[in-house]
């Protein structure tokens, strides 16, 4: 079962989203 992979993928997505938000915040 790919439960671990799904969790890892979600964590990666979350981290990317947070980095993107910070990036946009700094660009202003």
N, C-alpha and C. Protein backbone atom coordinates (compact mmCIF):
# COMPACT_ATOMS: atom_id res chain seq x y z
N UNK A 1 0.85 -1.20 0.00
CA UNK A 1 0.00 0.00 0.00
C UNK A 1 0.88 1.25 0.00
N UNK A 2 0.48 2.24 -0.75
CA UNK A 2 1.29 3.46 -0.84
C UNK A 2 0.81 4.55 0.10
N UNK A 3 0.55 4.16 1.33
CA UNK A 3 0.10 5.19 2.29
C UNK A 3 1.25 6.13 2.63
N UNK A 4 2.41 5.53 2.89
CA UNK A 4 3.57 6.36 3.25
C UNK A 4 3.89 7.33 2.12
N UNK A 5 3.80 6.86 0.88
CA UNK A 5 4.11 7.73 -0.25
C UNK A 5 3.12 8.88 -0.31
N UNK A 6 1.84 8.58 -0.07
CA UNK A 6 0.82 9.64 -0.13
C UNK A 6 1.10 10.69 0.93
N UNK A 7 1.43 10.21 2.13
CA UNK A 7 1.70 11.17 3.21
C UNK A 7 2.91 12.02 2.85
N UNK A 8 3.96 11.37 2.36
CA UNK A 8 5.17 12.12 2.01
C UNK A 8 4.85 13.13 0.91
N UNK A 9 4.03 12.71 -0.06
CA UNK A 9 3.70 13.61 -1.17
C UNK A 9 2.93 14.81 -0.62
N UNK A 10 2.00 14.55 0.31
CA UNK A 10 1.21 15.65 0.86
C UNK A 10 2.11 16.61 1.64
N UNK A 11 3.06 16.04 2.37
CA UNK A 11 3.96 16.90 3.13
C UNK A 11 4.78 17.77 2.19
N UNK A 12 5.23 17.17 1.09
CA UNK A 12 6.02 17.92 0.12
C UNK A 12 5.18 19.05 -0.47
N UNK A 13 3.95 18.73 -0.81
CA UNK A 13 3.06 19.74 -1.38
C UNK A 13 2.86 20.87 -0.39
N UNK A 14 2.65 20.53 0.86
CA UNK A 14 2.44 21.54 1.89
C UNK A 14 3.66 22.44 2.00
N UNK A 15 4.84 21.82 2.01
CA UNK A 15 6.08 22.60 2.14
C UNK A 15 6.23 23.54 0.94
N UNK A 16 5.93 23.01 -0.25
CA UNK A 16 6.05 23.84 -1.46
C UNK A 16 5.07 25.00 -1.40
N UNK A 17 3.85 24.73 -0.95
CA UNK A 17 2.84 25.79 -0.85
C UNK A 17 3.31 26.86 0.12
N UNK A 18 3.87 26.44 1.24
CA UNK A 18 4.32 27.43 2.22
C UNK A 18 5.47 28.26 1.65
N UNK A 19 6.41 27.60 0.96
CA UNK A 19 7.53 28.33 0.37
C UNK A 19 7.01 29.30 -0.68
N UNK A 20 6.04 28.87 -1.46
CA UNK A 20 5.48 29.74 -2.50
C UNK A 20 4.84 30.96 -1.86
N UNK A 21 4.11 30.74 -0.76
CA UNK A 21 3.44 31.85 -0.08
C UNK A 21 4.49 32.85 0.43
N UNK A 22 5.56 32.33 1.02
CA UNK A 22 6.61 33.21 1.52
C UNK A 22 7.24 33.96 0.36
N UNK A 23 7.47 33.28 -0.74
CA UNK A 23 8.07 33.91 -1.91
C UNK A 23 7.20 35.07 -2.38
N UNK A 24 5.91 34.83 -2.49
CA UNK A 24 5.00 35.90 -2.94
C UNK A 24 5.00 37.03 -1.93
N UNK A 25 5.04 36.68 -0.66
CA UNK A 25 5.02 37.70 0.39
C UNK A 25 6.26 38.58 0.29
N UNK A 26 7.41 37.98 0.03
CA UNK A 26 8.65 38.75 -0.05
C UNK A 26 8.70 39.61 -1.31
N UNK A 27 8.07 39.13 -2.38
CA UNK A 27 8.14 39.86 -3.65
C UNK A 27 7.37 41.17 -3.58
N UNK A 28 6.38 41.25 -2.70
CA UNK A 28 5.57 42.48 -2.64
C UNK A 28 6.42 43.65 -2.23
